[in-house]
Amino acid sequence: MYLEPNHPSPANAKERGFTLLEILVALTIFAVVGLISAQLLSRTVESYGVLEERGERLAQIHRAMLIVQRDLMQYRSRTPRSTGGDSQSALMIGDEGALVMTRGGWRNPLQRPRSELQRVGYRLQGDDLVRAYWPTLDGIGDEEPVTQTLLEQVEELEFFVLDEAGTEHKFWPPEGATGDAALTALILRIRLKPVGVVERIWEVPNGEF
């Protein structure tokens, strides 16, 4: 008796599973897609972190520049006297760009018996931009100033004065000057990580803010 070959019926063919090779290929594809997705996600998170850090840094710089501007815009040509009775220039720029000056507008909400003028200074201490002020305007000598760190990661700090002739002075007052020489503008150049050089110029109308 003749027997026909045992071929799978159409119903059995539909129920046929994946071969081992097909499963391995699919797993490989899924692994590659997962690896690429993980790398993209990691780079996105890293980029977001860098942007957030850069934004915070720029905000710190902006706040520090506002404080510097507030002081410089209230410059007063009042010459204080030291403990020895010698008068000092209202504005002085010395080594390493350090600046000391007299400013007005020192608020006195408690109505204490003191002047509304204040002696303030800026200097580079390590890699920090430090602001200092003295409790009294005259008699500055042995007393220590009150200090505040405005910015970290500062590589270089320079203050300059522009005189009436437009000459830029790294030291002030000029050598041989008698009294307070006339100044027309103050310049701040500061090198910061990772921003680079930041420069600000404030005009001094008629030699006084």
C-alpha atoms as a PDB file:
ATOM      1  CA  MET A   1       0.000   0.000   0.000  1.00  0.00           C
ATOM      2  CA  TYR A   2       1.350   3.454  -0.982  1.00  0.00           C
ATOM      3  CA  LEU A   3       1.765   6.009   1.825  1.00  0.00           C
ATOM      4  CA  GLU A   4       2.035   9.748   1.119  1.00  0.00           C
ATOM      5  CA  PRO A   5       4.921  11.707   2.717  1.00  0.00           C
ATOM      6  CA  ASN A   6       4.159  13.189   6.107  1.00  0.00           C
ATOM      7  CA  HIS A   7       4.103  16.963   5.245  1.00  0.00           C
ATOM      8  CA  PRO A   8       3.039  19.469   7.934  1.00  0.00           C
ATOM      9  CA  SER A   9      -0.390  20.826   7.440  1.00  0.00           C
ATOM     10  CA  PRO A  10      -0.861  24.603   6.933  1.00  0.00           C
ATOM     11  CA  ALA A  11      -2.087  24.846  10.545  1.00  0.00           C
ATOM     12  CA  ASN A  12       1.062  23.177  11.879  1.00  0.00           C
ATOM     13  CA  ALA A  13       3.266  25.432   9.693  1.00  0.00           C
ATOM     14  CA  LYS A  14       1.832  28.564  11.308  1.00  0.00           C
ATOM     15  CA  GLU A  15       2.695  27.230  14.756  1.00  0.00           C
ATOM     16  CA  ARG A  16       6.363  26.715  13.832  1.00  0.00           C
ATOM     17  CA  GLY A  17       8.674  28.584  16.366  1.00  0.00           C
ATOM     18  CA  PHE A  18      11.858  30.637  15.886  1.00  0.00           C
ATOM     19  CA  THR A  19      15.114  28.901  15.321  1.00  0.00           C
ATOM     20  CA  LEU A  20      18.054  29.392  17.671  1.00  0.00           C
ATOM     21  CA  LEU A  21      19.861  31.496  15.053  1.00  0.00           C
ATOM     22  CA  GLU A  22      16.890  33.825  14.672  1.00  0.00           C
ATOM     23  CA  ILE A  23      16.682  34.312  18.440  1.00  0.00           C
ATOM     24  CA  LEU A  24      20.409  35.105  18.655  1.00  0.00           C
ATOM     25  CA  VAL A  25      20.125  37.655  15.831  1.00  0.00           C
ATOM     26  CA  ALA A  26      17.151  39.331  17.533  1.00  0.00           C
ATOM     27  CA  LEU A  27      18.954  39.468  20.878  1.00  0.00           C
ATOM     28  CA  THR A  28      22.010  40.982  19.209  1.00  0.00           C
ATOM     29  CA  ILE A  29      19.892  43.683  17.580  1.00  0.00           C
ATOM     30  CA  PHE A  30      18.166  44.475  20.872  1.00  0.00           C
ATOM     31  CA  ALA A  31      21.556  44.629  22.643  1.00  0.00           C
ATOM     32  CA  VAL A  32      22.983  47.051  20.050  1.00  0.00           C
ATOM     33  CA  VAL A  33      19.884  49.282  20.211  1.00  0.00           C
ATOM     34  CA  GLY A  34      20.003  49.248  24.028  1.00  0.00           C
ATOM     35  CA  LEU A  35      23.712  50.159  24.047  1.00  0.00           C
ATOM     36  CA  ILE A  36      23.177  53.071  21.654  1.00  0.00           C
ATOM     37  CA  SER A  37      20.205  54.304  23.673  1.00  0.00           C
ATOM     38  CA  ALA A  38      22.194  54.115  26.917  1.00  0.00           C
ATOM     39  CA  GLN A  39      25.065  56.093  25.366  1.00  0.00           C
ATOM     40  CA  LEU A  40      22.683  58.766  24.054  1.00  0.00           C
ATOM     41  CA  LEU A  41      21.007  59.043  27.439  1.00  0.00           C
ATOM     42  CA  SER A  42      24.361  59.281  29.226  1.00  0.00           C
ATOM     43  CA  ARG A  43      25.547  62.041  26.874  1.00  0.00           C
ATOM     44  CA  THR A  44      22.273  63.924  27.284  1.00  0.00           C
ATOM     45  CA  VAL A  45      22.499  63.794  31.073  1.00  0.00           C
ATOM     46  CA  GLU A  46      26.155  64.834  30.949  1.00  0.00           C
ATOM     47  CA  SER A  47      25.381  67.757  28.615  1.00  0.00           C
ATOM     48  CA  TYR A  48      22.542  68.864  30.876  1.00  0.00           C
ATOM     49  CA  GLY A  49      24.866  68.767  33.884  1.00  0.00           C
ATOM     50  CA  VAL A  50      27.480  70.865  32.065  1.00  0.00           C
ATOM     51  CA  LEU A  51      24.857  73.425  31.015  1.00  0.00           C
ATOM     52  CA  GLU A  52      23.468  73.608  34.538  1.00  0.00           C
ATOM     53  CA  GLU A  53      26.950  74.071  36.000  1.00  0.00           C
ATOM     54  CA  ARG A  54      27.784  76.747  33.412  1.00  0.00           C
ATOM     55  CA  GLY A  55      24.510  78.533  34.182  1.00  0.00           C
ATOM     56  CA  GLU A  56      25.258  78.582  37.911  1.00  0.00           C
ATOM     57  CA  ARG A  57      28.759  79.902  37.195  1.00  0.00           C
ATOM     58  CA  LEU A  58      27.420  82.729  35.036  1.00  0.00           C
ATOM     59  CA  ALA A  59      24.899  83.613  37.747  1.00  0.00           C
ATOM     60  CA  GLN A  60      27.720  83.807  40.327  1.00  0.00           C
ATOM     61  CA  ILE A  61      29.738  86.082  38.038  1.00  0.00           C
ATOM     62  CA  HIS A  62      26.706  88.300  37.436  1.00  0.00           C
ATOM     63  CA  ARG A  63      26.055  88.701  41.172  1.00  0.00           C
ATOM     64  CA  ALA A  64      29.712  89.522  41.852  1.00  0.00           C
ATOM     65  CA  MET A  65      29.813  92.122  39.069  1.00  0.00           C
ATOM     66  CA  LEU A  66      26.694  93.779  40.503  1.00  0.00           C
ATOM     67  CA  ILE A  67      28.411  94.142  43.890  1.00  0.00           C
ATOM     68  CA  VAL A  68      31.549  95.601  42.293  1.00  0.00           C
ATOM     69  CA  GLN A  69      29.442  97.964  40.205  1.00  0.00           C
ATOM     70  CA  ARG A  70      27.465  99.082  43.261  1.00  0.00           C
ATOM     71  CA  ASP A  71      30.694 100.073  45.010  1.00  0.00           C
ATOM     72  CA  LEU A  72      32.331 101.758  42.037  1.00  0.00           C
ATOM     73  CA  MET A  73      29.195 103.660  41.097  1.00  0.00           C
ATOM     74  CA  GLN A  74      29.192 105.210  44.577  1.00  0.00           C
ATOM     75  CA  TYR A  75      32.823 106.289  44.569  1.00  0.00           C
ATOM     76  CA  ARG A  76      33.484 109.460  46.540  1.00  0.00           C
ATOM     77  CA  SER A  77      36.653 111.548  46.362  1.00  0.00           C
ATOM     78  CA  ARG A  78      36.949 111.699  50.161  1.00  0.00           C
ATOM     79  CA  THR A  79      40.527 111.208  51.366  1.00  0.00           C
ATOM     80  CA  PRO A  80      40.603 109.220  54.632  1.00  0.00           C
ATOM     81  CA  ARG A  81      43.264 109.678  57.295  1.00  0.00           C
ATOM     82  CA  SER A  82      45.381 106.891  58.704  1.00  0.00           C
ATOM     83  CA  THR A  83      46.064 106.284  62.398  1.00  0.00           C
ATOM     84  CA  GLY A  84      49.232 108.326  62.061  1.00  0.00           C
ATOM     85  CA  GLY A  85      47.311 111.314  60.745  1.00  0.00           C
ATOM     86  CA  ASP A  86      48.503 110.909  57.154  1.00  0.00           C
ATOM     87  CA  SER A  87      45.911 111.267  54.424  1.00  0.00           C
ATOM     88  CA  GLN A  88      45.382 108.541  51.851  1.00  0.00           C
ATOM     89  CA  SER A  89      44.123 108.803  48.302  1.00  0.00           C
ATOM     90  CA  ALA A  90      40.389 108.328  47.874  1.00  0.00           C
ATOM     91  CA  LEU A  91      41.191 105.565  45.381  1.00  0.00           C
ATOM     92  CA  MET A  92      44.313 103.444  45.273  1.00  0.00           C
ATOM     93  CA  ILE A  93      45.373 100.605  42.971  1.00  0.00           C
ATOM     94  CA  GLY A  94      48.449  98.683  44.024  1.00  0.00           C
ATOM     95  CA  ASP A  95      50.238  95.408  43.420  1.00  0.00           C
ATOM     96  CA  GLU A  96      48.370  92.456  41.878  1.00  0.00           C
ATOM     97  CA  GLY A  97      45.466  94.697  40.906  1.00  0.00           C
ATOM     98  CA  ALA A  98      44.300  95.317  44.479  1.00  0.00           C
ATOM     99  CA  LEU A  99      41.948  98.301  44.787  1.00  0.00           C
ATOM    100  CA  VAL A 100      40.957 100.358  47.840  1.00  0.00           C
ATOM    101  CA  MET A 101      38.499 103.229  47.619  1.00  0.00           C
ATOM    102  CA  THR A 102      35.957 105.378  49.448  1.00  0.00           C
ATOM    103  CA  ARG A 103      32.310 104.848  48.618  1.00  0.00           C
ATOM    104  CA  GLY A 104      29.111 106.495  49.738  1.00  0.00           C
ATOM    105  CA  GLY A 105      25.662 105.155  50.386  1.00  0.00           C
ATOM    106  CA  TRP A 106      26.611 102.973  53.343  1.00  0.00           C
ATOM    107  CA  ARG A 107      23.208 102.260  54.787  1.00  0.00           C
ATOM    108  CA  ASN A 108      22.663 102.896  58.478  1.00  0.00           C
ATOM    109  CA  PRO A 109      19.238 101.459  59.394  1.00  0.00           C
ATOM    110  CA  LEU A 110      20.108 101.360  63.122  1.00  0.00           C
ATOM    111  CA  GLN A 111      21.123 105.030  63.094  1.00  0.00           C
ATOM    112  CA  ARG A 112      24.501 104.341  64.618  1.00  0.00           C
ATOM    113  CA  PRO A 113      26.897 107.254  65.145  1.00  0.00           C
ATOM    114  CA  ARG A 114      29.008 106.642  62.065  1.00  0.00           C
ATOM    115  CA  SER A 115      29.611 108.076  58.621  1.00  0.00           C
ATOM    116  CA  GLU A 116      27.675 106.994  55.544  1.00  0.00           C
ATOM    117  CA  LEU A 117      31.010 106.847  53.750  1.00  0.00           C
ATOM    118  CA  GLN A 118      32.850 103.531  53.763  1.00  0.00           C
ATOM    119  CA  ARG A 119      36.312 102.292  52.861  1.00  0.00           C
ATOM    120  CA  VAL A 120      36.145  99.167  50.693  1.00  0.00           C
ATOM    121  CA  GLY A 121      38.695  97.112  48.823  1.00  0.00           C
ATOM    122  CA  TYR A 122      39.077  94.249  46.374  1.00  0.00           C
ATOM    123  CA  ARG A 123      41.974  91.847  46.088  1.00  0.00           C
ATOM    124  CA  LEU A 124      42.888  88.387  44.874  1.00  0.00           C
ATOM    125  CA  GLN A 125      43.435  85.962  47.740  1.00  0.00           C
ATOM    126  CA  GLY A 126      44.629  82.649  46.378  1.00  0.00           C
ATOM    127  CA  ASP A 127      42.181  82.018  43.566  1.00  0.00           C
ATOM    128  CA  ASP A 128      39.314  83.918  45.242  1.00  0.00           C
ATOM    129  CA  LEU A 129      38.067  87.436  44.569  1.00  0.00           C
ATOM    130  CA  VAL A 130      37.649  88.960  48.026  1.00  0.00           C
ATOM    131  CA  ARG A 131      35.796  92.132  48.983  1.00  0.00           C
ATOM    132  CA  ALA A 132      36.777  93.884  52.200  1.00  0.00           C
ATOM    133  CA  TYR A 133      35.427  96.845  54.143  1.00  0.00           C
ATOM    134  CA  TRP A 134      36.547  98.695  57.250  1.00  0.00           C
ATOM    135  CA  PRO A 135      34.154  99.620  60.066  1.00  0.00           C
ATOM    136  CA  THR A 136      35.531 103.185  60.162  1.00  0.00           C
ATOM    137  CA  LEU A 137      36.580 105.501  57.374  1.00  0.00           C
ATOM    138  CA  ASP A 138      39.381 107.324  59.187  1.00  0.00           C
ATOM    139  CA  GLY A 139      41.992 105.841  61.438  1.00  0.00           C
ATOM    140  CA  ILE A 140      42.516 102.750  59.283  1.00  0.00           C
ATOM    141  CA  GLY A 141      45.617 101.045  60.513  1.00  0.00           C
ATOM    142  CA  ASP A 142      45.838  98.016  62.714  1.00  0.00           C
ATOM    143  CA  GLU A 143      42.185  96.968  62.583  1.00  0.00           C
ATOM    144  CA  GLU A 144      41.348  94.026  60.358  1.00  0.00           C
ATOM    145  CA  PRO A 145      38.741  94.519  57.628  1.00  0.00           C
ATOM    146  CA  VAL A 146      35.604  92.436  57.280  1.00  0.00           C
ATOM    147  CA  THR A 147      36.026  90.189  54.235  1.00  0.00           C
ATOM    148  CA  GLN A 148      33.650  88.402  51.887  1.00  0.00           C
ATOM    149  CA  THR A 149      34.525  85.958  49.097  1.00  0.00           C
ATOM    150  CA  LEU A 150      32.686  86.997  45.938  1.00  0.00           C
ATOM    151  CA  LEU A 151      34.059  84.577  43.358  1.00  0.00           C
ATOM    152  CA  GLU A 152      36.128  81.416  43.285  1.00  0.00           C
ATOM    153  CA  GLN A 153      38.363  80.047  40.519  1.00  0.00           C
ATOM    154  CA  VAL A 154      39.767  83.463  39.620  1.00  0.00           C
ATOM    155  CA  GLU A 155      43.009  83.299  37.672  1.00  0.00           C
ATOM    156  CA  GLU A 156      43.794  87.014  37.337  1.00  0.00           C
ATOM    157  CA  LEU A 157      42.455  90.323  38.665  1.00  0.00           C
ATOM    158  CA  GLU A 158      43.307  93.798  37.392  1.00  0.00           C
ATOM    159  CA  PHE A 159      41.855  97.243  38.048  1.00  0.00           C
ATOM    160  CA  PHE A 160      42.817 100.198  35.863  1.00  0.00           C
ATOM    161  CA  VAL A 161      42.130 103.928  35.886  1.00  0.00           C
ATOM    162  CA  LEU A 162      41.610 106.083  32.806  1.00  0.00           C
ATOM    163  CA  ASP A 163      42.713 109.678  33.316  1.00  0.00           C
ATOM    164  CA  GLU A 164      41.506 112.781  31.495  1.00  0.00           C
ATOM    165  CA  ALA A 165      43.968 112.170  28.658  1.00  0.00           C
ATOM    166  CA  GLY A 166      42.642 108.640  28.126  1.00  0.00           C
ATOM    167  CA  THR A 167      45.803 107.056  29.506  1.00  0.00           C
ATOM    168  CA  GLU A 168      45.366 103.731  31.252  1.00  0.00           C
ATOM    169  CA  HIS A 169      47.038 103.425  34.665  1.00  0.00           C
ATOM    170  CA  LYS A 170      47.725 100.108  36.364  1.00  0.00           C
ATOM    171  CA  PHE A 171      48.795 101.905  39.565  1.00  0.00           C
ATOM    172  CA  TRP A 172      46.946 104.803  41.171  1.00  0.00           C
ATOM    173  CA  PRO A 173      47.522 107.564  42.095  1.00  0.00           C
ATOM    174  CA  PRO A 174      50.236 108.230  39.516  1.00  0.00           C
ATOM    175  CA  GLU A 175      53.758 108.701  40.782  1.00  0.00           C
ATOM    176  CA  GLY A 176      54.409 112.302  41.699  1.00  0.00           C
ATOM    177  CA  ALA A 177      50.724 113.253  41.767  1.00  0.00           C
ATOM    178  CA  THR A 178      49.692 115.728  44.460  1.00  0.00           C
ATOM    179  CA  GLY A 179      46.275 115.185  45.989  1.00  0.00           C
ATOM    180  CA  ASP A 180      43.679 113.177  44.079  1.00  0.00           C
ATOM    181  CA  ALA A 181      44.406 113.187  40.364  1.00  0.00           C
ATOM    182  CA  ALA A 182      41.458 113.411  38.009  1.00  0.00           C
ATOM    183  CA  LEU A 183      40.078 110.101  36.750  1.00  0.00           C
ATOM    184  CA  THR A 184      37.425 109.572  34.103  1.00  0.00           C
ATOM    185  CA  ALA A 185      36.761 105.821  34.184  1.00  0.00           C
ATOM    186  CA  LEU A 186      37.507 102.634  36.086  1.00  0.00           C
ATOM    187  CA  ILE A 187      38.207  99.343  34.326  1.00  0.00           C
ATOM    188  CA  LEU A 188      37.987  95.834  35.726  1.00  0.00           C
ATOM    189  CA  ARG A 189      39.562  92.890  33.913  1.00  0.00           C
ATOM    190  CA  ILE A 190      39.226  89.494  35.481  1.00  0.00           C
ATOM    191  CA  ARG A 191      40.116  86.054  34.143  1.00  0.00           C
ATOM    192  CA  LEU A 192      37.764  83.312  35.301  1.00  0.00           C
ATOM    193  CA  LYS A 193      37.465  79.585  34.845  1.00  0.00           C
ATOM    194  CA  PRO A 194      36.028  78.408  32.470  1.00  0.00           C
ATOM    195  CA  VAL A 195      34.680  81.677  31.022  1.00  0.00           C
ATOM    196  CA  GLY A 196      37.915  83.470  30.238  1.00  0.00           C
ATOM    197  CA  VAL A 197      38.438  87.237  30.443  1.00  0.00           C
ATOM    198  CA  VAL A 198      35.571  89.432  31.629  1.00  0.00           C
ATOM    199  CA  GLU A 199      35.957  93.207  31.302  1.00  0.00           C
ATOM    200  CA  ARG A 200      33.773  95.977  32.693  1.00  0.00           C
ATOM    201  CA  ILE A 201      34.180  99.756  32.322  1.00  0.00           C
ATOM    202  CA  TRP A 202      32.476 102.331  34.525  1.00  0.00           C
ATOM    203  CA  GLU A 203      32.573 106.005  33.616  1.00  0.00           C
ATOM    204  CA  VAL A 204      33.331 108.623  36.253  1.00  0.00           C
ATOM    205  CA  PRO A 205      31.426 111.789  35.236  1.00  0.00           C
ATOM    206  CA  ASN A 206      33.420 114.941  36.008  1.00  0.00           C
ATOM    207  CA  GLY A 207      35.917 112.917  38.000  1.00  0.00           C
ATOM    208  CA  GLU A 208      33.386 111.738  40.558  1.00  0.00           C
ATOM    209  CA  PHE A 209      30.410 109.388  40.527  1.00  0.00           C
END
